[in-house]
C-alpha atoms as a PDB file:
ATOM      1  CA  MET A   1       0.054  -0.056  -0.027  1.00  0.00           C
ATOM      2  CA  THR A   2       0.991   3.592  -0.835  1.00  0.00           C
ATOM      3  CA  ILE A   3       0.350   6.025   1.974  1.00  0.00           C
ATOM      4  CA  ASN A   4       0.459   9.782   1.835  1.00  0.00           C
ATOM      5  CA  GLN A   5       2.494  10.633   4.604  1.00  0.00           C
ATOM      6  CA  ASN A   6       1.772  14.520   4.567  1.00  0.00           C
ATOM      7  CA  GLU A   7      -2.321  13.429   5.158  1.00  0.00           C
ATOM      8  CA  ILE A   8      -1.106  11.058   7.763  1.00  0.00           C
ATOM      9  CA  GLN A   9       0.700  13.860   9.606  1.00  0.00           C
ATOM     10  CA  LYS A  10      -2.404  16.426   9.074  1.00  0.00           C
ATOM     11  CA  ILE A  11      -4.459  14.011  10.395  1.00  0.00           C
ATOM     12  CA  GLY A  12      -2.563  12.928  13.339  1.00  0.00           C
ATOM     13  CA  GLU A  13      -2.621  16.759  14.310  1.00  0.00           C
ATOM     14  CA  LEU A  14      -6.354  16.993  14.019  1.00  0.00           C
ATOM     15  CA  ILE A  15      -7.156  14.288  16.072  1.00  0.00           C
ATOM     16  CA  GLU A  16      -4.863  15.659  18.800  1.00  0.00           C
ATOM     17  CA  ALA A  17      -6.335  19.453  18.728  1.00  0.00           C
ATOM     18  CA  SER A  18      -9.793  17.582  18.508  1.00  0.00           C
ATOM     19  CA  GLN A  19     -12.372  16.548  21.343  1.00  0.00           C
ATOM     20  CA  LYS A  20     -15.367  15.917  20.020  1.00  0.00           C
ATOM     21  CA  ILE A  21     -14.970  13.236  17.194  1.00  0.00           C
ATOM     22  CA  LEU A  22     -17.655  11.937  14.717  1.00  0.00           C
ATOM     23  CA  ILE A  23     -17.379   8.502  12.909  1.00  0.00           C
ATOM     24  CA  ILE A  24     -19.569   7.558  10.090  1.00  0.00           C
ATOM     25  CA  PRO A  25     -19.320   4.248   8.195  1.00  0.00           C
ATOM     26  CA  HIS A  26     -21.294   3.702   4.757  1.00  0.00           C
ATOM     27  CA  LYS A  27     -24.897   2.693   4.926  1.00  0.00           C
ATOM     28  CA  ASN A  28     -26.008  -0.882   5.305  1.00  0.00           C
ATOM     29  CA  PRO A  29     -22.429  -1.566   6.762  1.00  0.00           C
ATOM     30  CA  ASP A  30     -20.675  -4.368   6.137  1.00  0.00           C
ATOM     31  CA  GLY A  31     -17.554  -6.071   8.414  1.00  0.00           C
ATOM     32  CA  ASP A  32     -15.076  -3.441   6.569  1.00  0.00           C
ATOM     33  CA  ALA A  33     -17.053  -0.171   7.127  1.00  0.00           C
ATOM     34  CA  LEU A  34     -17.690  -1.402  10.863  1.00  0.00           C
ATOM     35  CA  GLY A  35     -14.411  -2.466  11.476  1.00  0.00           C
ATOM     36  CA  ALA A  36     -13.162   0.939  10.602  1.00  0.00           C
ATOM     37  CA  ALA A  37     -15.586   2.789  12.283  1.00  0.00           C
ATOM     38  CA  LEU A  38     -15.426   0.826  15.322  1.00  0.00           C
ATOM     39  CA  ALA A  39     -11.517   0.569  15.466  1.00  0.00           C
ATOM     40  CA  LEU A  40     -11.524   4.316  15.466  1.00  0.00           C
ATOM     41  CA  PHE A  41     -13.729   4.770  18.129  1.00  0.00           C
ATOM     42  CA  GLN A  42     -11.729   2.402  20.429  1.00  0.00           C
ATOM     43  CA  MET A  43      -8.756   4.244  19.611  1.00  0.00           C
ATOM     44  CA  MET A  44     -10.000   8.186  20.509  1.00  0.00           C
ATOM     45  CA  LYS A  45     -12.072   6.534  23.496  1.00  0.00           C
ATOM     46  CA  ASN A  46      -8.509   5.466  24.499  1.00  0.00           C
ATOM     47  CA  LEU A  47      -7.277   8.996  23.641  1.00  0.00           C
ATOM     48  CA  GLY A  48      -9.647  10.254  25.909  1.00  0.00           C
ATOM     49  CA  LYS A  49     -11.798  12.083  23.372  1.00  0.00           C
ATOM     50  CA  ASN A  50     -15.481  12.498  23.115  1.00  0.00           C
ATOM     51  CA  VAL A  51     -16.531  10.159  20.494  1.00  0.00           C
ATOM     52  CA  GLU A  52     -19.536   8.804  18.500  1.00  0.00           C
ATOM     53  CA  VAL A  53     -20.426   6.561  15.799  1.00  0.00           C
ATOM     54  CA  ARG A  54     -23.327   7.345  13.471  1.00  0.00           C
ATOM     55  CA  CYS A  55     -24.866   5.382  10.379  1.00  0.00           C
ATOM     56  CA  PHE A  56     -28.054   5.508   8.412  1.00  0.00           C
ATOM     57  CA  ASP A  57     -28.772   1.942   8.877  1.00  0.00           C
ATOM     58  CA  GLU A  58     -28.733  -0.457  11.965  1.00  0.00           C
ATOM     59  CA  PRO A  59     -25.994  -3.150  11.314  1.00  0.00           C
ATOM     60  CA  ALA A  60     -26.632  -6.729  10.638  1.00  0.00           C
ATOM     61  CA  SER A  61     -26.917  -9.266  13.485  1.00  0.00           C
ATOM     62  CA  ILE A  62     -23.857 -11.326  12.695  1.00  0.00           C
ATOM     63  CA  PHE A  63     -22.126  -8.224  13.571  1.00  0.00           C
ATOM     64  CA  ALA A  64     -23.139  -8.666  17.420  1.00  0.00           C
ATOM     65  CA  PHE A  65     -19.696  -9.937  18.698  1.00  0.00           C
ATOM     66  CA  MET A  66     -17.696  -6.699  17.575  1.00  0.00           C
ATOM     67  CA  PRO A  67     -16.771  -4.751  20.281  1.00  0.00           C
ATOM     68  CA  ASN A  68     -18.580  -1.277  20.771  1.00  0.00           C
ATOM     69  CA  ILE A  69     -21.161  -2.360  18.277  1.00  0.00           C
ATOM     70  CA  GLU A  70     -23.699  -1.208  20.981  1.00  0.00           C
ATOM     71  CA  VAL A  71     -22.306   2.285  20.674  1.00  0.00           C
ATOM     72  CA  LEU A  72     -23.448   2.662  16.942  1.00  0.00           C
ATOM     73  CA  LYS A  73     -26.655   5.099  16.371  1.00  0.00           C
ATOM     74  CA  VAL A  74     -28.771   5.462  13.419  1.00  0.00           C
ATOM     75  CA  GLY A  75     -29.128   8.835  12.146  1.00  0.00           C
ATOM     76  CA  LEU A  76     -27.618  12.402  12.431  1.00  0.00           C
ATOM     77  CA  GLU A  77     -28.287  15.114  15.082  1.00  0.00           C
ATOM     78  CA  GLU A  78     -26.049  17.601  14.908  1.00  0.00           C
ATOM     79  CA  LEU A  79     -22.634  18.515  13.085  1.00  0.00           C
ATOM     80  CA  ASP A  80     -20.848  20.210  15.572  1.00  0.00           C
ATOM     81  CA  HIS A  81     -17.644  18.479  15.733  1.00  0.00           C
ATOM     82  CA  ASP A  82     -13.855  19.039  15.714  1.00  0.00           C
ATOM     83  CA  ALA A  83     -13.199  16.114  13.481  1.00  0.00           C
ATOM     84  CA  ILE A  84     -15.353  13.668  11.414  1.00  0.00           C
ATOM     85  CA  PHE A  85     -14.384  10.016  10.030  1.00  0.00           C
ATOM     86  CA  ILE A  86     -16.213   9.115   7.171  1.00  0.00           C
ATOM     87  CA  VAL A  87     -15.076   5.348   6.304  1.00  0.00           C
ATOM     88  CA  ASP A  88     -15.313   3.233   3.376  1.00  0.00           C
ATOM     89  CA  SER A  89     -17.592   5.138   1.245  1.00  0.00           C
ATOM     90  CA  GLY A  90     -16.386   5.407  -2.122  1.00  0.00           C
ATOM     91  CA  ALA A  91     -19.065   7.759  -2.992  1.00  0.00           C
ATOM     92  CA  THR A  92     -20.933  10.636  -1.048  1.00  0.00           C
ATOM     93  CA  HIS A  93     -24.564   8.749  -1.630  1.00  0.00           C
ATOM     94  CA  LEU A  94     -23.298   5.714  -0.050  1.00  0.00           C
ATOM     95  CA  THR A  95     -23.263   7.317   3.523  1.00  0.00           C
ATOM     96  CA  GLY A  96     -27.064   7.825   3.267  1.00  0.00           C
ATOM     97  CA  PHE A  97     -26.515  11.493   4.662  1.00  0.00           C
ATOM     98  CA  ASN A  98     -25.674  13.326   1.265  1.00  0.00           C
ATOM     99  CA  GLU A  99     -28.908  14.935   0.918  1.00  0.00           C
ATOM    100  CA  ASP A 100     -29.968  16.083   4.399  1.00  0.00           C
ATOM    101  CA  TYR A 101     -26.502  16.850   5.551  1.00  0.00           C
ATOM    102  CA  PRO A 102     -24.479  18.346   2.063  1.00  0.00           C
ATOM    103  CA  GLU A 103     -21.863  20.251   4.034  1.00  0.00           C
ATOM    104  CA  LEU A 104     -20.247  16.844   4.868  1.00  0.00           C
ATOM    105  CA  PHE A 105     -19.291  16.999   1.610  1.00  0.00           C
ATOM    106  CA  ASP A 106     -18.258  20.472   0.318  1.00  0.00           C
ATOM    107  CA  LYS A 107     -14.910  20.671   2.485  1.00  0.00           C
ATOM    108  CA  SER A 108     -16.333  23.030   4.856  1.00  0.00           C
ATOM    109  CA  LEU A 109     -16.122  20.657   7.661  1.00  0.00           C
ATOM    110  CA  PRO A 110     -13.250  18.986   9.147  1.00  0.00           C
ATOM    111  CA  VAL A 111     -14.041  15.340   7.559  1.00  0.00           C
ATOM    112  CA  ILE A 112     -11.469  12.682   7.294  1.00  0.00           C
ATOM    113  CA  ASN A 113     -12.200  10.244   4.131  1.00  0.00           C
ATOM    114  CA  ILE A 114     -10.796   7.097   4.542  1.00  0.00           C
ATOM    115  CA  ASP A 115     -11.339   4.912   1.747  1.00  0.00           C
ATOM    116  CA  HIS A 116      -9.970   2.099  -0.870  1.00  0.00           C
ATOM    117  CA  HIS A 117     -12.646   2.719  -3.534  1.00  0.00           C
ATOM    118  CA  PRO A 118     -11.121   3.900  -6.904  1.00  0.00           C
ATOM    119  CA  SER A 119     -14.690   5.617  -7.286  1.00  0.00           C
ATOM    120  CA  ASN A 120     -13.829   7.667  -4.625  1.00  0.00           C
ATOM    121  CA  ASP A 121     -14.031  11.579  -5.150  1.00  0.00           C
ATOM    122  CA  TYR A 122     -12.039  12.891  -2.363  1.00  0.00           C
ATOM    123  CA  PHE A 123     -14.866  14.645  -0.824  1.00  0.00           C
ATOM    124  CA  GLY A 124     -12.976  15.485   2.677  1.00  0.00           C
ATOM    125  CA  ARG A 125     -10.831  18.308   3.551  1.00  0.00           C
ATOM    126  CA  HIS A 126      -8.370  15.460   4.671  1.00  0.00           C
ATOM    127  CA  ASN A 127      -8.417  12.234   2.148  1.00  0.00           C
ATOM    128  CA  LEU A 128      -6.559   9.020   3.383  1.00  0.00           C
ATOM    129  CA  VAL A 129      -7.536   7.191   0.008  1.00  0.00           C
ATOM    130  CA  VAL A 130      -5.480   3.906  -0.941  1.00  0.00           C
ATOM    131  CA  THR A 131      -6.990   2.462  -3.795  1.00  0.00           C
ATOM    132  CA  ASP A 132      -4.596  -0.603  -3.459  1.00  0.00           C
ATOM    133  CA  SER A 133      -5.553  -1.404  -0.325  1.00  0.00           C
ATOM    134  CA  PRO A 134      -7.993  -4.398   0.225  1.00  0.00           C
ATOM    135  CA  SER A 135      -9.899  -2.693   2.393  1.00  0.00           C
ATOM    136  CA  ALA A 136     -10.390   0.346   4.777  1.00  0.00           C
ATOM    137  CA  THR A 137      -9.531  -1.100   8.151  1.00  0.00           C
ATOM    138  CA  ALA A 138      -6.096  -2.148   6.596  1.00  0.00           C
ATOM    139  CA  ILE A 139      -5.491   2.191   6.026  1.00  0.00           C
ATOM    140  CA  VAL A 140      -6.833   2.656   9.480  1.00  0.00           C
ATOM    141  CA  TYR A 141      -4.312   0.062  10.753  1.00  0.00           C
ATOM    142  CA  THR A 142      -1.421   1.923   9.164  1.00  0.00           C
ATOM    143  CA  LEU A 143      -2.806   5.103  10.494  1.00  0.00           C
ATOM    144  CA  PHE A 144      -2.448   3.996  13.917  1.00  0.00           C
ATOM    145  CA  GLU A 145       0.672   2.291  13.268  1.00  0.00           C
ATOM    146  CA  ALA A 146       2.122   5.650  11.542  1.00  0.00           C
ATOM    147  CA  LEU A 147       0.938   7.687  14.590  1.00  0.00           C
ATOM    148  CA  SER A 148       2.439   5.453  16.995  1.00  0.00           C
ATOM    149  CA  LEU A 149      -1.052   4.529  18.551  1.00  0.00           C
ATOM    150  CA  ASN A 150      -1.029   1.560  20.611  1.00  0.00           C
ATOM    151  CA  ILE A 151      -3.793  -0.992  19.229  1.00  0.00           C
ATOM    152  CA  ASP A 152      -5.443  -3.080  21.968  1.00  0.00           C
ATOM    153  CA  ARG A 153      -7.379  -6.424  21.735  1.00  0.00           C
ATOM    154  CA  PHE A 154     -10.537  -4.684  20.997  1.00  0.00           C
ATOM    155  CA  THR A 155      -9.093  -2.232  18.372  1.00  0.00           C
ATOM    156  CA  ALA A 156      -7.407  -5.374  16.807  1.00  0.00           C
ATOM    157  CA  THR A 157     -10.807  -7.645  16.709  1.00  0.00           C
ATOM    158  CA  CYS A 158     -12.522  -4.640  14.748  1.00  0.00           C
ATOM    159  CA  LEU A 159      -9.493  -4.367  12.279  1.00  0.00           C
ATOM    160  CA  LEU A 160      -9.273  -7.715  11.952  1.00  0.00           C
ATOM    161  CA  THR A 161     -12.707  -8.250  10.897  1.00  0.00           C
ATOM    162  CA  GLY A 162     -12.947  -5.419   8.179  1.00  0.00           C
ATOM    163  CA  ILE A 163      -9.814  -7.287   6.675  1.00  0.00           C
ATOM    164  CA  TYR A 164     -11.271 -10.886   7.112  1.00  0.00           C
ATOM    165  CA  THR A 165     -14.202  -9.954   5.250  1.00  0.00           C
ATOM    166  CA  ASP A 166     -13.132  -7.693   2.458  1.00  0.00           C
ATOM    167  CA  THR A 167     -10.608 -10.234   1.407  1.00  0.00           C
ATOM    168  CA  GLY A 168     -13.348 -13.327   1.544  1.00  0.00           C
ATOM    169  CA  SER A 169     -11.472 -14.842   4.823  1.00  0.00           C
ATOM    170  CA  PHE A 170      -8.343 -14.752   2.741  1.00  0.00           C
ATOM    171  CA  MET A 171      -9.681 -16.469   0.001  1.00  0.00           C
ATOM    172  CA  HIS A 172      -9.790 -13.201  -2.894  1.00  0.00           C
ATOM    173  CA  SER A 173      -7.036 -12.255  -5.116  1.00  0.00           C
ATOM    174  CA  ASN A 174      -6.579  -8.767  -2.728  1.00  0.00           C
ATOM    175  CA  THR A 175      -5.052 -11.280  -0.099  1.00  0.00           C
ATOM    176  CA  THR A 176      -1.341  -9.953  -0.430  1.00  0.00           C
ATOM    177  CA  SER A 177       1.669 -11.126   1.772  1.00  0.00           C
ATOM    178  CA  GLU A 178       1.441  -7.493   3.234  1.00  0.00           C
ATOM    179  CA  ILE A 179      -2.069  -7.983   4.248  1.00  0.00           C
ATOM    180  CA  LEU A 180      -1.312 -11.191   5.876  1.00  0.00           C
ATOM    181  CA  ARG A 181       1.415  -9.606   7.935  1.00  0.00           C
ATOM    182  CA  ILE A 182      -0.924  -6.929   9.225  1.00  0.00           C
ATOM    183  CA  SER A 183      -3.339  -9.617  10.139  1.00  0.00           C
ATOM    184  CA  SER A 184      -0.389 -11.585  11.923  1.00  0.00           C
ATOM    185  CA  LYS A 185       0.498  -8.680  13.939  1.00  0.00           C
ATOM    186  CA  LEU A 186      -3.606  -7.847  14.698  1.00  0.00           C
ATOM    187  CA  LEU A 187      -3.584 -11.547  15.668  1.00  0.00           C
ATOM    188  CA  ALA A 188      -0.694 -11.018  18.178  1.00  0.00           C
ATOM    189  CA  LYS A 189      -2.293  -8.022  19.684  1.00  0.00           C
ATOM    190  CA  GLY A 190      -5.172 -10.149  20.879  1.00  0.00           C
ATOM    191  CA  ALA A 191      -7.878  -9.810  17.782  1.00  0.00           C
ATOM    192  CA  ASN A 192     -10.681 -12.731  18.353  1.00  0.00           C
ATOM    193  CA  LEU A 193     -10.540 -14.526  14.860  1.00  0.00           C
ATOM    194  CA  ARG A 194     -12.532 -17.350  16.449  1.00  0.00           C
ATOM    195  CA  SER A 195     -15.765 -15.087  16.727  1.00  0.00           C
ATOM    196  CA  ILE A 196     -15.024 -13.412  13.744  1.00  0.00           C
ATOM    197  CA  SER A 197     -15.093 -16.525  11.920  1.00  0.00           C
ATOM    198  CA  LYS A 198     -17.644 -18.035  13.462  1.00  0.00           C
ATOM    199  CA  ASP A 199     -19.951 -15.421  13.702  1.00  0.00           C
ATOM    200  CA  ILE A 200     -19.764 -13.936  10.105  1.00  0.00           C
ATOM    201  CA  PHE A 201     -18.898 -17.066   8.136  1.00  0.00           C
ATOM    202  CA  ASN A 202     -20.163 -20.459  10.113  1.00  0.00           C
ATOM    203  CA  THR A 203     -23.492 -19.107  11.887  1.00  0.00           C
ATOM    204  CA  THR A 204     -26.580 -19.073   9.212  1.00  0.00           C
ATOM    205  CA  LYS A 205     -30.389 -18.511  10.527  1.00  0.00           C
ATOM    206  CA  VAL A 206     -33.005 -20.413   8.826  1.00  0.00           C
ATOM    207  CA  SER A 207     -34.603 -17.297   7.063  1.00  0.00           C
ATOM    208  CA  THR A 208     -30.762 -16.736   5.407  1.00  0.00           C
ATOM    209  CA  MET A 209     -30.805 -20.717   4.351  1.00  0.00           C
ATOM    210  CA  CYS A 210     -34.213 -20.053   2.762  1.00  0.00           C
ATOM    211  CA  LEU A 211     -33.150 -16.844   1.115  1.00  0.00           C
ATOM    212  CA  TRP A 212     -30.533 -18.237  -0.034  1.00  0.00           C
ATOM    213  CA  GLY A 213     -31.900 -21.420  -1.216  1.00  0.00           C
ATOM    214  CA  ARG A 214     -34.107 -18.897  -3.410  1.00  0.00           C
ATOM    215  CA  VAL A 215     -30.904 -17.714  -5.153  1.00  0.00           C
ATOM    216  CA  LEU A 216     -29.706 -20.770  -6.222  1.00  0.00           C
ATOM    217  CA  LYS A 217     -33.166 -22.212  -7.408  1.00  0.00           C
ATOM    218  CA  LYS A 218     -33.234 -19.517  -9.648  1.00  0.00           C
ATOM    219  CA  ILE A 219     -29.229 -19.479 -11.176  1.00  0.00           C
ATOM    220  CA  ASN A 220     -28.931 -19.666 -14.558  1.00  0.00           C
ATOM    221  CA  GLN A 221     -25.662 -19.407 -16.758  1.00  0.00           C
ATOM    222  CA  SER A 222     -25.751 -17.902 -19.940  1.00  0.00           C
ATOM    223  CA  THR A 223     -23.615 -18.816 -23.071  1.00  0.00           C
ATOM    224  CA  ASP A 224     -21.217 -16.511 -22.695  1.00  0.00           C
ATOM    225  CA  GLY A 225     -20.597 -17.478 -18.884  1.00  0.00           C
ATOM    226  CA  VAL A 226     -22.627 -14.712 -16.982  1.00  0.00           C
ATOM    227  CA  THR A 227     -23.959 -16.691 -13.963  1.00  0.00           C
ATOM    228  CA  MET A 228     -27.092 -14.679 -12.405  1.00  0.00           C
ATOM    229  CA  SER A 229     -29.609 -15.005 -10.371  1.00  0.00           C
ATOM    230  CA  VAL A 230     -32.648 -12.825  -8.966  1.00  0.00           C
ATOM    231  CA  LEU A 231     -34.325 -11.828  -5.563  1.00  0.00           C
ATOM    232  CA  THR A 232     -37.840 -10.204  -5.292  1.00  0.00           C
ATOM    233  CA  ASN A 233     -39.350  -8.257  -2.572  1.00  0.00           C
ATOM    234  CA  GLN A 234     -41.738 -11.522  -2.541  1.00  0.00           C
ATOM    235  CA  ASP A 235     -38.591 -13.724  -1.576  1.00  0.00           C
ATOM    236  CA  PHE A 236     -37.602 -11.747   1.129  1.00  0.00           C
ATOM    237  CA  CYS A 237     -40.942 -11.491   2.671  1.00  0.00           C
ATOM    238  CA  ASP A 238     -41.713 -15.369   2.222  1.00  0.00           C
ATOM    239  CA  CYS A 239     -38.445 -15.938   4.301  1.00  0.00           C
ATOM    240  CA  ASP A 240     -38.869 -13.164   6.602  1.00  0.00           C
ATOM    241  CA  ALA A 241     -35.314 -11.967   5.928  1.00  0.00           C
ATOM    242  CA  ASP A 242     -33.993  -8.575   5.410  1.00  0.00           C
ATOM    243  CA  PHE A 243     -31.376  -7.347   3.023  1.00  0.00           C
ATOM    244  CA  THR A 244     -28.328  -7.808   5.054  1.00  0.00           C
ATOM    245  CA  GLU A 245     -28.841 -11.520   4.781  1.00  0.00           C
ATOM    246  CA  MET A 246     -27.419 -11.414   1.407  1.00  0.00           C
ATOM    247  CA  THR A 247     -23.819 -10.878   2.436  1.00  0.00           C
ATOM    248  CA  GLY A 248     -21.597 -13.730   1.013  1.00  0.00           C
ATOM    249  CA  VAL A 249     -24.270 -14.801  -1.375  1.00  0.00           C
ATOM    250  CA  VAL A 250     -22.818 -13.199  -4.852  1.00  0.00           C
ATOM    251  CA  ASP A 251     -19.638 -14.645  -3.759  1.00  0.00           C
ATOM    252  CA  TYR A 252     -21.024 -18.500  -3.511  1.00  0.00           C
ATOM    253  CA  VAL A 253     -22.677 -18.020  -6.954  1.00  0.00           C
ATOM    254  CA  ASN A 254     -19.260 -16.736  -8.581  1.00  0.00           C
ATOM    255  CA  SER A 255     -17.736 -20.538  -7.329  1.00  0.00           C
ATOM    256  CA  VAL A 256     -20.067 -22.076 -10.630  1.00  0.00           C
ATOM    257  CA  PRO A 257     -17.381 -23.500 -13.000  1.00  0.00           C
ATOM    258  CA  LYS A 258     -16.692 -21.525 -16.522  1.00  0.00           C
ATOM    259  CA  SER A 259     -18.331 -18.544 -14.498  1.00  0.00           C
ATOM    260  CA  LYS A 260     -17.049 -15.405 -16.571  1.00  0.00           C
ATOM    261  CA  TYR A 261     -18.454 -12.997 -13.787  1.00  0.00           C
ATOM    262  CA  SER A 262     -21.581 -13.385 -11.245  1.00  0.00           C
ATOM    263  CA  VAL A 263     -24.498 -11.154 -10.626  1.00  0.00           C
ATOM    264  CA  ILE A 264     -27.457 -10.901  -8.503  1.00  0.00           C
ATOM    265  CA  LEU A 265     -30.254  -8.419  -8.993  1.00  0.00           C
ATOM    266  CA  THR A 266     -32.285  -7.898  -5.948  1.00  0.00           C
ATOM    267  CA  GLU A 267     -35.417  -5.772  -5.334  1.00  0.00           C
ATOM    268  CA  ARG A 268     -35.399  -3.588  -2.664  1.00  0.00           C
ATOM    269  CA  GLY A 269     -38.593  -1.751  -2.353  1.00  0.00           C
ATOM    270  CA  ASP A 270     -38.815   0.457  -5.470  1.00  0.00           C
ATOM    271  CA  LYS A 271     -35.293  -0.252  -6.455  1.00  0.00           C
ATOM    272  CA  VAL A 272     -33.176  -2.749  -7.937  1.00  0.00           C
ATOM    273  CA  LYS A 273     -29.670  -3.462  -6.735  1.00  0.00           C
ATOM    274  CA  GLY A 274     -27.101  -5.237  -8.659  1.00  0.00           C
ATOM    275  CA  SER A 275     -24.057  -7.187  -6.979  1.00  0.00           C
ATOM    276  CA  LEU A 276     -21.001  -8.186  -9.274  1.00  0.00           C
ATOM    277  CA  ARG A 277     -18.366 -10.347  -8.605  1.00  0.00           C
ATOM    278  CA  THR A 278     -15.736 -11.998 -10.819  1.00  0.00           C
ATOM    279  CA  LEU A 279     -12.370 -14.237 -10.174  1.00  0.00           C
ATOM    280  CA  HIS A 280     -11.178 -13.594 -13.984  1.00  0.00           C
ATOM    281  CA  ASP A 281      -8.146 -11.051 -14.632  1.00  0.00           C
ATOM    282  CA  SER A 282      -9.779 -10.218 -17.647  1.00  0.00           C
ATOM    283  CA  VAL A 283     -12.707  -9.159 -16.688  1.00  0.00           C
ATOM    284  CA  ASP A 284     -13.308  -5.755 -14.871  1.00  0.00           C
ATOM    285  CA  VAL A 285     -16.853  -5.881 -13.085  1.00  0.00           C
ATOM    286  CA  ALA A 286     -16.272  -2.306 -11.745  1.00  0.00           C
ATOM    287  CA  GLN A 287     -16.481  -1.165 -15.620  1.00  0.00           C
ATOM    288  CA  ILE A 288     -19.943  -3.234 -15.958  1.00  0.00           C
ATOM    289  CA  ALA A 289     -21.465  -1.651 -12.859  1.00  0.00           C
ATOM    290  CA  GLY A 290     -20.351   1.838 -14.539  1.00  0.00           C
ATOM    291  CA  LYS A 291     -22.698   1.253 -17.255  1.00  0.00           C
ATOM    292  CA  TYR A 292     -25.477   1.202 -14.877  1.00  0.00           C
ATOM    293  CA  GLY A 293     -24.294   4.389 -12.851  1.00  0.00           C
ATOM    294  CA  GLY A 294     -22.569   1.841 -10.018  1.00  0.00           C
ATOM    295  CA  GLY A 295     -18.830   1.291  -9.264  1.00  0.00           C
ATOM    296  CA  GLY A 296     -16.523  -0.341  -6.985  1.00  0.00           C
ATOM    297  CA  HIS A 297     -13.373  -2.785  -7.132  1.00  0.00           C
ATOM    298  CA  THR A 298     -12.354  -4.514 -10.480  1.00  0.00           C
ATOM    299  CA  LYS A 299     -13.345  -7.827  -9.010  1.00  0.00           C
ATOM    300  CA  ALA A 300     -16.224  -6.547  -6.720  1.00  0.00           C
ATOM    301  CA  ALA A 301     -18.818  -3.908  -7.586  1.00  0.00           C
ATOM    302  CA  GLY A 302     -22.584  -3.010  -7.543  1.00  0.00           C
ATOM    303  CA  PHE A 303     -25.097  -0.331  -8.879  1.00  0.00           C
ATOM    304  CA  THR A 304     -28.523   0.618  -7.836  1.00  0.00           C
ATOM    305  CA  LEU A 305     -31.264   1.349 -10.145  1.00  0.00           C
ATOM    306  CA  SER A 306     -35.209   2.504  -9.769  1.00  0.00           C
ATOM    307  CA  GLY A 307     -37.374  -0.128 -10.905  1.00  0.00           C
ATOM    308  CA  HIS A 308     -38.587  -3.915 -10.585  1.00  0.00           C
ATOM    309  CA  LEU A 309     -37.746  -6.864 -11.340  1.00  0.00           C
ATOM    310  CA  GLU A 310     -39.755  -8.649 -14.157  1.00  0.00           C
ATOM    311  CA  GLN A 311     -39.401 -11.918 -15.404  1.00  0.00           C
ATOM    312  CA  GLU A 312     -38.657 -12.763 -19.301  1.00  0.00           C
ATOM    313  CA  VAL A 313     -38.664 -15.768 -20.910  1.00  0.00           C
ATOM    314  CA  ARG A 314     -37.388 -16.390 -24.744  1.00  0.00           C
ATOM    315  CA  TRP A 315     -37.451 -19.340 -26.693  1.00  0.00           C
ATOM    316  CA  LYS A 316     -35.333 -20.153 -29.945  1.00  0.00           C
ATOM    317  CA  VAL A 317     -35.444 -23.053 -32.535  1.00  0.00           C
ATOM    318  CA  VAL A 318     -32.165 -24.701 -32.938  1.00  0.00           C
ATOM    319  CA  ASP A 319     -31.153 -27.403 -35.298  1.00  0.00           C
END
């Protein structure tokens, strides 16, 4: 990872001068967003700061094991903070607060933007955007290390949660020797890998199994290797499941042999969300998602459109 040392110095000075700090992960927070936010919370708390975490949505129940998860509050009330961290948000709308609080993104507030998505538009007054990092938590770890801040076991667990989830439990191509060294150091500091792996990847509710069953039942692969499935609003209702229970299923679909890339289309009220994954070096799913107004990483991306899903059946005559 290539880190901007000048930005790190400025962020360190801002942290030292601040007393009231706000931390914002992206809406529908995943393990990396929560890991970065809660690690920052623990560190700022250890430094004696008055700190809070605010998010547009409640976190999924699978993250209940994470240290400090109970401090996360939904919604924003005021913006009278000395420093504001926005983490893992590749675009302003991903926070969910862009319409009601546009001042978060016009550089008028002391916003520290920590992210690893190529789509990031550097909306912060300070921008620690490292696109070759596998996760936002890896960047936060590097920030702490550069500022010589002590990482306790709670902070280590939060950071490793983000790294573990964004590398697909160290199975994705973004798992580098550097990220394994960082993970090893976090384990040495007391990170609870057992809870991370058990609660996120090896604990599955009946509603989640039902939902994934719907995904697998509808799966199909095109002649050019696109593996696809869909979920409607009715599927979520029938399974008594929520959107957070989608975590990981697109990667599972992507394991189908000869799959060029996978996509799952999901109805979410009056919108349709597309999630894309690939294991092929020749495919850039961020470019595909970009055609629909989305973005992300080369191997993992997504988009959201207004509308509903409608099934279409086609037939053809063959010799």
